[in-house]
Amino acid sequence: MKTSVKTTLFLVVFGLMVISAISANAQCAQCAATVASNSANGGSAANGLNNGILFLLGAPYLAVTVAGIIWYKKYRRKNVDLNIRDEKLNLN
């Protein structure tokens, strides 16, 4: 009974979050105005802004990957004895 109540509550909260979502502008007004005016004049500020966004997007993934590699190298098992029998198996 408790599981169905938790599931129902989760679905209600999730539904409210989806319904109440509003669109947001991705840039501040000053950045948007600068990029718009620079692009209209033939500049390449938009490319620099896009590269900066991609850099900021990739940084957390890189940090998690490095932490995962360090964790794997530090905590993986070494010199594990499997205790396998030397006799042959008869599968008939």
PDB file of N, CA and C in Angstrom:
ATOM      1  N   MET A   1       0.820  -1.195   0.000  1.00  0.00           N
ATOM      2  CA  MET A   1       0.000   0.000   0.000  1.00  0.00           C
ATOM      3  C   MET A   1       0.861   1.255   0.000  1.00  0.00           C
ATOM      4  N   LYS A   2       1.959   1.240   0.744  1.00  0.00           N
ATOM      5  CA  LYS A   2       2.813   2.412   0.813  1.00  0.00           C
ATOM      6  C   LYS A   2       3.502   2.689  -0.516  1.00  0.00           C
ATOM      7  N   THR A   3       3.800   1.630  -1.253  1.00  0.00           N
ATOM      8  CA  THR A   3       4.480   1.813  -2.534  1.00  0.00           C
ATOM      9  C   THR A   3       3.577   2.540  -3.522  1.00  0.00           C
ATOM     10  N   SER A   4       2.300   2.195  -3.534  1.00  0.00           N
ATOM     11  CA  SER A   4       1.392   2.862  -4.464  1.00  0.00           C
ATOM     12  C   SER A   4       1.181   4.329  -4.088  1.00  0.00           C
ATOM     13  N   VAL A   5       1.199   4.631  -2.809  1.00  0.00           N
ATOM     14  CA  VAL A   5       1.060   6.021  -2.372  1.00  0.00           C
ATOM     15  C   VAL A   5       2.291   6.820  -2.783  1.00  0.00           C
ATOM     16  N   LYS A   6       3.458   6.233  -2.626  1.00  0.00           N
ATOM     17  CA  LYS A   6       4.686   6.923  -3.024  1.00  0.00           C
ATOM     18  C   LYS A   6       4.724   7.133  -4.535  1.00  0.00           C
ATOM     19  N   THR A   7       4.303   6.123  -5.276  1.00  0.00           N
ATOM     20  CA  THR A   7       4.291   6.236  -6.731  1.00  0.00           C
ATOM     21  C   THR A   7       3.310   7.314  -7.184  1.00  0.00           C
ATOM     22  N   THR A   8       2.139   7.332  -6.584  1.00  0.00           N
ATOM     23  CA  THR A   8       1.141   8.334  -6.925  1.00  0.00           C
ATOM     24  C   THR A   8       1.630   9.740  -6.595  1.00  0.00           C
ATOM     25  N   LEU A   9       2.232   9.892  -5.433  1.00  0.00           N
ATOM     26  CA  LEU A   9       2.770  11.193  -5.036  1.00  0.00           C
ATOM     27  C   LEU A   9       3.866  11.642  -5.995  1.00  0.00           C
ATOM     28  N   PHE A  10       4.734  10.714  -6.376  1.00  0.00           N
ATOM     29  CA  PHE A  10       5.800  11.036  -7.325  1.00  0.00           C
ATOM     30  C   PHE A  10       5.219  11.486  -8.662  1.00  0.00           C
ATOM     31  N   LEU A  11       4.230  10.759  -9.163  1.00  0.00           N
ATOM     32  CA  LEU A  11       3.621  11.118 -10.444  1.00  0.00           C
ATOM     33  C   LEU A  11       2.919  12.473 -10.382  1.00  0.00           C
ATOM     34  N   VAL A  12       2.265  12.777  -9.261  1.00  0.00           N
ATOM     35  CA  VAL A  12       1.596  14.068  -9.111  1.00  0.00           C
ATOM     36  C   VAL A  12       2.623  15.201  -9.099  1.00  0.00           C
ATOM     37  N   VAL A  13       3.688  15.034  -8.338  1.00  0.00           N
ATOM     38  CA  VAL A  13       4.720  16.076  -8.258  1.00  0.00           C
ATOM     39  C   VAL A  13       5.399  16.242  -9.619  1.00  0.00           C
ATOM     40  N   PHE A  14       5.708  15.121 -10.278  1.00  0.00           N
ATOM     41  CA  PHE A  14       6.337  15.188 -11.589  1.00  0.00           C
ATOM     42  C   PHE A  14       5.415  15.875 -12.598  1.00  0.00           C
ATOM     43  N   GLY A  15       4.144  15.538 -12.560  1.00  0.00           N
ATOM     44  CA  GLY A  15       3.177  16.164 -13.453  1.00  0.00           C
ATOM     45  C   GLY A  15       3.070  17.660 -13.225  1.00  0.00           C
ATOM     46  N   LEU A  16       3.071  18.086 -11.966  1.00  0.00           N
ATOM     47  CA  LEU A  16       3.022  19.515 -11.662  1.00  0.00           C
ATOM     48  C   LEU A  16       4.268  20.233 -12.163  1.00  0.00           C
ATOM     49  N   MET A  17       5.419  19.584 -12.052  1.00  0.00           N
ATOM     50  CA  MET A  17       6.655  20.194 -12.539  1.00  0.00           C
ATOM     51  C   MET A  17       6.625  20.341 -14.055  1.00  0.00           C
ATOM     52  N   VAL A  18       6.102  19.338 -14.744  1.00  0.00           N
ATOM     53  CA  VAL A  18       6.047  19.411 -16.210  1.00  0.00           C
ATOM     54  C   VAL A  18       5.055  20.482 -16.653  1.00  0.00           C
ATOM     55  N   ILE A  19       3.915  20.546 -15.999  1.00  0.00           N
ATOM     56  CA  ILE A  19       2.897  21.520 -16.373  1.00  0.00           C
ATOM     57  C   ILE A  19       3.358  22.945 -16.098  1.00  0.00           C
ATOM     58  N   SER A  20       4.068  23.159 -15.003  1.00  0.00           N
ATOM     59  CA  SER A  20       4.445  24.516 -14.617  1.00  0.00           C
ATOM     60  C   SER A  20       5.750  24.977 -15.250  1.00  0.00           C
ATOM     61  N   ALA A  21       6.349  24.177 -16.133  1.00  0.00           N
ATOM     62  CA  ALA A  21       7.599  24.576 -16.764  1.00  0.00           C
ATOM     63  C   ALA A  21       7.365  25.744 -17.716  1.00  0.00           C
ATOM     64  N   ILE A  22       8.244  26.733 -17.617  1.00  0.00           N
ATOM     65  CA  ILE A  22       8.164  27.875 -18.519  1.00  0.00           C
ATOM     66  C   ILE A  22       9.479  27.970 -19.279  1.00  0.00           C
ATOM     67  N   SER A  23       9.429  28.525 -20.459  1.00  0.00           N
ATOM     68  CA  SER A  23      10.647  28.668 -21.237  1.00  0.00           C
ATOM     69  C   SER A  23      11.479  29.814 -20.661  1.00  0.00           C
ATOM     70  N   ALA A  24      12.780  29.674 -20.779  1.00  0.00           N
ATOM     71  CA  ALA A  24      13.690  30.690 -20.259  1.00  0.00           C
ATOM     72  C   ALA A  24      14.680  31.083 -21.350  1.00  0.00           C
ATOM     73  N   ASN A  25      15.129  32.318 -21.318  1.00  0.00           N
ATOM     74  CA  ASN A  25      16.145  32.756 -22.257  1.00  0.00           C
ATOM     75  C   ASN A  25      17.490  32.204 -21.814  1.00  0.00           C
ATOM     76  N   ALA A  26      18.309  31.816 -22.783  1.00  0.00           N
ATOM     77  CA  ALA A  26      19.573  31.177 -22.465  1.00  0.00           C
ATOM     78  C   ALA A  26      20.682  32.172 -22.154  1.00  0.00           C
ATOM     79  N   GLN A  27      20.480  33.419 -22.495  1.00  0.00           N
ATOM     80  CA  GLN A  27      21.527  34.404 -22.295  1.00  0.00           C
ATOM     81  C   GLN A  27      20.965  35.609 -21.553  1.00  0.00           C
ATOM     82  N   CYS A  28      21.870  36.340 -20.943  1.00  0.00           N
ATOM     83  CA  CYS A  28      21.437  37.593 -20.338  1.00  0.00           C
ATOM     84  C   CYS A  28      21.190  38.604 -21.457  1.00  0.00           C
ATOM     85  N   ALA A  29      20.502  39.669 -21.160  1.00  0.00           N
ATOM     86  CA  ALA A  29      20.129  40.652 -22.180  1.00  0.00           C
ATOM     87  C   ALA A  29      21.358  41.309 -22.811  1.00  0.00           C
ATOM     88  N   GLN A  30      22.362  41.559 -22.018  1.00  0.00           N
ATOM     89  CA  GLN A  30      23.558  42.215 -22.539  1.00  0.00           C
ATOM     90  C   GLN A  30      24.309  41.286 -23.501  1.00  0.00           C
ATOM     91  N   CYS A  31      24.432  40.010 -23.154  1.00  0.00           N
ATOM     92  CA  CYS A  31      25.122  39.062 -24.037  1.00  0.00           C
ATOM     93  C   CYS A  31      24.352  38.882 -25.337  1.00  0.00           C
ATOM     94  N   ALA A  32      23.035  38.753 -25.250  1.00  0.00           N
ATOM     95  CA  ALA A  32      22.217  38.586 -26.448  1.00  0.00           C
ATOM     96  C   ALA A  32      22.331  39.797 -27.362  1.00  0.00           C
ATOM     97  N   ALA A  33      22.321  41.005 -26.805  1.00  0.00           N
ATOM     98  CA  ALA A  33      22.419  42.219 -27.613  1.00  0.00           C
ATOM     99  C   ALA A  33      23.795  42.323 -28.272  1.00  0.00           C
ATOM    100  N   THR A  34      24.834  41.980 -27.544  1.00  0.00           N
ATOM    101  CA  THR A  34      26.188  42.054 -28.092  1.00  0.00           C
ATOM    102  C   THR A  34      26.369  41.066 -29.237  1.00  0.00           C
ATOM    103  N   VAL A  35      25.897  39.854 -29.050  1.00  0.00           N
ATOM    104  CA  VAL A  35      26.028  38.830 -30.099  1.00  0.00           C
ATOM    105  C   VAL A  35      25.192  39.201 -31.310  1.00  0.00           C
ATOM    106  N   ALA A  36      23.994  39.722 -31.089  1.00  0.00           N
ATOM    107  CA  ALA A  36      23.131  40.107 -32.212  1.00  0.00           C
ATOM    108  C   ALA A  36      23.745  41.240 -33.025  1.00  0.00           C
ATOM    109  N   SER A  37      24.262  42.250 -32.343  1.00  0.00           N
ATOM    110  CA  SER A  37      24.857  43.371 -33.075  1.00  0.00           C
ATOM    111  C   SER A  37      26.164  42.966 -33.749  1.00  0.00           C
ATOM    112  N   ASN A  38      26.935  42.108 -33.112  1.00  0.00           N
ATOM    113  CA  ASN A  38      28.198  41.647 -33.685  1.00  0.00           C
ATOM    114  C   ASN A  38      27.941  40.762 -34.896  1.00  0.00           C
ATOM    115  N   SER A  39      26.935  39.896 -34.838  1.00  0.00           N
ATOM    116  CA  SER A  39      26.610  39.028 -35.971  1.00  0.00           C
ATOM    117  C   SER A  39      26.070  39.837 -37.144  1.00  0.00           C
ATOM    118  N   ALA A  40      25.312  40.882 -36.843  1.00  0.00           N
ATOM    119  CA  ALA A  40      24.770  41.737 -37.909  1.00  0.00           C
ATOM    120  C   ALA A  40      25.891  42.478 -38.636  1.00  0.00           C
ATOM    121  N   ASN A  41      26.982  42.776 -37.937  1.00  0.00           N
ATOM    122  CA  ASN A  41      28.112  43.484 -38.539  1.00  0.00           C
ATOM    123  C   ASN A  41      29.142  42.532 -39.135  1.00  0.00           C
ATOM    124  N   GLY A  42      28.856  41.222 -39.117  1.00  0.00           N
ATOM    125  CA  GLY A  42      29.781  40.252 -39.721  1.00  0.00           C
ATOM    126  C   GLY A  42      30.852  39.751 -38.759  1.00  0.00           C
ATOM    127  N   GLY A  43      30.700  39.963 -37.470  1.00  0.00           N
ATOM    128  CA  GLY A  43      31.683  39.509 -36.493  1.00  0.00           C
ATOM    129  C   GLY A  43      31.517  38.033 -36.162  1.00  0.00           C
ATOM    130  N   SER A  44      32.425  37.534 -35.353  1.00  0.00           N
ATOM    131  CA  SER A  44      32.395  36.112 -34.988  1.00  0.00           C
ATOM    132  C   SER A  44      32.258  35.914 -33.480  1.00  0.00           C
ATOM    133  N   ALA A  45      31.611  36.831 -32.813  1.00  0.00           N
ATOM    134  CA  ALA A  45      31.440  36.699 -31.361  1.00  0.00           C
ATOM    135  C   ALA A  45      30.535  35.528 -31.019  1.00  0.00           C
ATOM    136  N   ALA A  46      29.606  35.202 -31.919  1.00  0.00           N
ATOM    137  CA  ALA A  46      28.702  34.084 -31.660  1.00  0.00           C
ATOM    138  C   ALA A  46      29.473  32.780 -31.604  1.00  0.00           C
ATOM    139  N   ASN A  47      30.490  32.627 -32.450  1.00  0.00           N
ATOM    140  CA  ASN A  47      31.299  31.403 -32.418  1.00  0.00           C
ATOM    141  C   ASN A  47      32.049  31.278 -31.091  1.00  0.00           C
ATOM    142  N   GLY A  48      32.589  32.383 -30.612  1.00  0.00           N
ATOM    143  CA  GLY A  48      33.286  32.358 -29.334  1.00  0.00           C
ATOM    144  C   GLY A  48      32.354  32.031 -28.183  1.00  0.00           C
ATOM    145  N   LEU A  49      31.154  32.582 -28.228  1.00  0.00           N
ATOM    146  CA  LEU A  49      30.168  32.297 -27.186  1.00  0.00           C
ATOM    147  C   LEU A  49      29.757  30.835 -27.219  1.00  0.00           C
ATOM    148  N   ASN A  50      29.547  30.296 -28.425  1.00  0.00           N
ATOM    149  CA  ASN A  50      29.192  28.877 -28.544  1.00  0.00           C
ATOM    150  C   ASN A  50      30.320  27.972 -28.066  1.00  0.00           C
ATOM    151  N   ASN A  51      31.556  28.310 -28.372  1.00  0.00           N
ATOM    152  CA  ASN A  51      32.690  27.511 -27.888  1.00  0.00           C
ATOM    153  C   ASN A  51      32.782  27.557 -26.365  1.00  0.00           C
ATOM    154  N   GLY A  52      32.512  28.716 -25.784  1.00  0.00           N
ATOM    155  CA  GLY A  52      32.523  28.819 -24.326  1.00  0.00           C
ATOM    156  C   GLY A  52      31.439  27.986 -23.682  1.00  0.00           C
ATOM    157  N   ILE A  53      30.259  27.956 -24.306  1.00  0.00           N
ATOM    158  CA  ILE A  53      29.166  27.137 -23.787  1.00  0.00           C
ATOM    159  C   ILE A  53      29.523  25.665 -23.858  1.00  0.00           C
ATOM    160  N   LEU A  54      30.117  25.236 -24.973  1.00  0.00           N
ATOM    161  CA  LEU A  54      30.520  23.837 -25.101  1.00  0.00           C
ATOM    162  C   LEU A  54      31.598  23.467 -24.088  1.00  0.00           C
ATOM    163  N   PHE A  55      32.529  24.382 -23.829  1.00  0.00           N
ATOM    164  CA  PHE A  55      33.561  24.133 -22.825  1.00  0.00           C
ATOM    165  C   PHE A  55      32.939  23.950 -21.443  1.00  0.00           C
ATOM    166  N   LEU A  56      32.005  24.836 -21.096  1.00  0.00           N
ATOM    167  CA  LEU A  56      31.345  24.730 -19.796  1.00  0.00           C
ATOM    168  C   LEU A  56      30.468  23.489 -19.704  1.00  0.00           C
ATOM    169  N   LEU A  57      29.923  23.037 -20.817  1.00  0.00           N
ATOM    170  CA  LEU A  57      29.115  21.830 -20.840  1.00  0.00           C
ATOM    171  C   LEU A  57      29.981  20.590 -20.644  1.00  0.00           C
ATOM    172  N   GLY A  58      31.168  20.578 -21.228  1.00  0.00           N
ATOM    173  CA  GLY A  58      32.023  19.402 -21.162  1.00  0.00           C
ATOM    174  C   GLY A  58      32.809  19.271 -19.872  1.00  0.00           C
ATOM    175  N   ALA A  59      33.001  20.346 -19.147  1.00  0.00           N
ATOM    176  CA  ALA A  59      33.819  20.315 -17.936  1.00  0.00           C
ATOM    177  C   ALA A  59      33.286  19.356 -16.869  1.00  0.00           C
ATOM    178  N   PRO A  60      31.999  19.326 -16.552  1.00  0.00           N
ATOM    179  CA  PRO A  60      31.526  18.371 -15.541  1.00  0.00           C
ATOM    180  C   PRO A  60      31.696  16.916 -15.972  1.00  0.00           C
ATOM    181  N   TYR A  61      31.484  16.636 -17.259  1.00  0.00           N
ATOM    182  CA  TYR A  61      31.671  15.270 -17.742  1.00  0.00           C
ATOM    183  C   TYR A  61      33.130  14.853 -17.631  1.00  0.00           C
ATOM    184  N   LEU A  62      34.025  15.752 -17.930  1.00  0.00           N
ATOM    185  CA  LEU A  62      35.443  15.463 -17.802  1.00  0.00           C
ATOM    186  C   LEU A  62      35.812  15.219 -16.341  1.00  0.00           C
ATOM    187  N   ALA A  63      35.283  16.021 -15.427  1.00  0.00           N
ATOM    188  CA  ALA A  63      35.578  15.843 -14.002  1.00  0.00           C
ATOM    189  C   ALA A  63      35.055  14.503 -13.489  1.00  0.00           C
ATOM    190  N   VAL A  64      33.858  14.109 -13.894  1.00  0.00           N
ATOM    191  CA  VAL A  64      33.304  12.830 -13.459  1.00  0.00           C
ATOM    192  C   VAL A  64      34.111  11.678 -14.042  1.00  0.00           C
ATOM    193  N   THR A  65      34.538  11.799 -15.289  1.00  0.00           N
ATOM    194  CA  THR A  65      35.351  10.751 -15.911  1.00  0.00           C
ATOM    195  C   THR A  65      36.680  10.586 -15.191  1.00  0.00           C
ATOM    196  N   VAL A  66      37.337  11.685 -14.883  1.00  0.00           N
ATOM    197  CA  VAL A  66      38.619  11.615 -14.168  1.00  0.00           C
ATOM    198  C   VAL A  66      38.427  11.005 -12.788  1.00  0.00           C
ATOM    199  N   ALA A  67      37.377  11.396 -12.085  1.00  0.00           N
ATOM    200  CA  ALA A  67      37.109  10.822 -10.761  1.00  0.00           C
ATOM    201  C   ALA A  67      36.822   9.331 -10.871  1.00  0.00           C
ATOM    202  N   GLY A  68      36.106   8.898 -11.902  1.00  0.00           N
ATOM    203  CA  GLY A  68      35.824   7.484 -12.101  1.00  0.00           C
ATOM    204  C   GLY A  68      37.072   6.685 -12.392  1.00  0.00           C
ATOM    205  N   ILE A  69      37.963   7.230 -13.197  1.00  0.00           N
ATOM    206  CA  ILE A  69      39.221   6.533 -13.502  1.00  0.00           C
ATOM    207  C   ILE A  69      40.072   6.406 -12.250  1.00  0.00           C
ATOM    208  N   ILE A  70      40.160   7.479 -11.485  1.00  0.00           N
ATOM    209  CA  ILE A  70      40.946   7.424 -10.237  1.00  0.00           C
ATOM    210  C   ILE A  70      40.340   6.415  -9.280  1.00  0.00           C
ATOM    211  N   TRP A  71      39.012   6.401  -9.133  1.00  0.00           N
ATOM    212  CA  TRP A  71      38.347   5.451  -8.240  1.00  0.00           C
ATOM    213  C   TRP A  71      38.586   4.026  -8.708  1.00  0.00           C
ATOM    214  N   TYR A  72      38.494   3.776 -10.013  1.00  0.00           N
ATOM    215  CA  TYR A  72      38.703   2.431 -10.546  1.00  0.00           C
ATOM    216  C   TYR A  72      40.122   1.952 -10.283  1.00  0.00           C
ATOM    217  N   LYS A  73      41.093   2.812 -10.534  1.00  0.00           N
ATOM    218  CA  LYS A  73      42.483   2.411 -10.342  1.00  0.00           C
ATOM    219  C   LYS A  73      42.819   2.213  -8.868  1.00  0.00           C
ATOM    220  N   LYS A  74      42.182   2.973  -7.988  1.00  0.00           N
ATOM    221  CA  LYS A  74      42.498   2.878  -6.568  1.00  0.00           C
ATOM    222  C   LYS A  74      41.844   1.666  -5.907  1.00  0.00           C
ATOM    223  N   TYR A  75      40.599   1.349  -6.305  1.00  0.00           N
ATOM    224  CA  TYR A  75      39.848   0.332  -5.584  1.00  0.00           C
ATOM    225  C   TYR A  75      39.660  -0.983  -6.324  1.00  0.00           C
ATOM    226  N   ARG A  76      40.266  -1.150  -7.489  1.00  0.00           N
ATOM    227  CA  ARG A  76      40.102  -2.438  -8.166  1.00  0.00           C
ATOM    228  C   ARG A  76      40.901  -3.499  -7.434  1.00  0.00           C
ATOM    229  N   ARG A  77      40.431  -4.734  -7.532  1.00  0.00           N
ATOM    230  CA  ARG A  77      41.082  -5.830  -6.819  1.00  0.00           C
ATOM    231  C   ARG A  77      42.344  -6.250  -7.551  1.00  0.00           C
ATOM    232  N   LYS A  78      43.351  -6.566  -6.785  1.00  0.00           N
ATOM    233  CA  LYS A  78      44.604  -7.058  -7.335  1.00  0.00           C
ATOM    234  C   LYS A  78      44.939  -8.375  -6.647  1.00  0.00           C
ATOM    235  N   ASN A  79      45.565  -9.274  -7.374  1.00  0.00           N
ATOM    236  CA  ASN A  79      46.000 -10.575  -6.848  1.00  0.00           C
ATOM    237  C   ASN A  79      44.840 -11.362  -6.246  1.00  0.00           C
ATOM    238  N   VAL A  80      43.794 -11.553  -7.013  1.00  0.00           N
ATOM    239  CA  VAL A  80      42.632 -12.293  -6.556  1.00  0.00           C
ATOM    240  C   VAL A  80      42.868 -13.774  -6.805  1.00  0.00           C
ATOM    241  N   ASP A  81      42.663 -14.601  -5.788  1.00  0.00           N
ATOM    242  CA  ASP A  81      42.804 -16.048  -5.905  1.00  0.00           C
ATOM    243  C   ASP A  81      41.425 -16.634  -6.180  1.00  0.00           C
ATOM    244  N   LEU A  82      41.260 -17.314  -7.328  1.00  0.00           N
ATOM    245  CA  LEU A  82      39.954 -17.795  -7.732  1.00  0.00           C
ATOM    246  C   LEU A  82      39.623 -19.194  -7.230  1.00  0.00           C
ATOM    247  N   ASN A  83      40.574 -19.950  -6.735  1.00  0.00           N
ATOM    248  CA  ASN A  83      40.370 -21.308  -6.207  1.00  0.00           C
ATOM    249  C   ASN A  83      39.664 -22.208  -7.219  1.00  0.00           C
ATOM    250  N   ILE A  84      40.224 -22.345  -8.394  1.00  0.00           N
ATOM    251  CA  ILE A  84      39.674 -23.203  -9.444  1.00  0.00           C
ATOM    252  C   ILE A  84      40.288 -24.583  -9.314  1.00  0.00           C
ATOM    253  N   ARG A  85      39.436 -25.629  -9.423  1.00  0.00           N
ATOM    254  CA  ARG A  85      39.932 -26.990  -9.335  1.00  0.00           C
ATOM    255  C   ARG A  85      40.761 -27.334 -10.577  1.00  0.00           C
ATOM    256  N   ASP A  86      41.768 -28.197 -10.391  1.00  0.00           N
ATOM    257  CA  ASP A  86      42.640 -28.591 -11.495  1.00  0.00           C
ATOM    258  C   ASP A  86      42.054 -29.738 -12.304  1.00  0.00           C
ATOM    259  N   GLU A  87      41.065 -30.456 -11.794  1.00  0.00           N
ATOM    260  CA  GLU A  87      40.516 -31.603 -12.515  1.00  0.00           C
ATOM    261  C   GLU A  87      39.619 -31.160 -13.651  1.00  0.00           C
ATOM    262  N   LYS A  88      39.514 -32.007 -14.674  1.00  0.00           N
ATOM    263  CA  LYS A  88      38.692 -31.685 -15.826  1.00  0.00           C
ATOM    264  C   LYS A  88      37.225 -31.906 -15.498  1.00  0.00           C
ATOM    265  N   LEU A  89      36.357 -31.144 -16.132  1.00  0.00           N
ATOM    266  CA  LEU A  89      34.925 -31.291 -15.926  1.00  0.00           C
ATOM    267  C   LEU A  89      34.364 -32.303 -16.916  1.00  0.00           C
ATOM    268  N   ASN A  90      33.484 -33.193 -16.449  1.00  0.00           N
ATOM    269  CA  ASN A  90      32.794 -34.130 -17.307  1.00  0.00           C
ATOM    270  C   ASN A  90      31.375 -33.627 -17.514  1.00  0.00           C
ATOM    271  N   LEU A  91      31.075 -33.216 -18.734  1.00  0.00           N
ATOM    272  CA  LEU A  91      29.782 -32.596 -18.995  1.00  0.00           C
ATOM    273  C   LEU A  91      28.728 -33.585 -19.447  1.00  0.00           C
ATOM    274  N   ASN A  92      29.021 -34.893 -19.479  1.00  0.00           N
ATOM    275  CA  ASN A  92      28.010 -35.893 -19.869  1.00  0.00           C
ATOM    276  C   ASN A  92      27.221 -36.371 -18.703  1.00  0.00           C
TER     277      ASN A  92
END
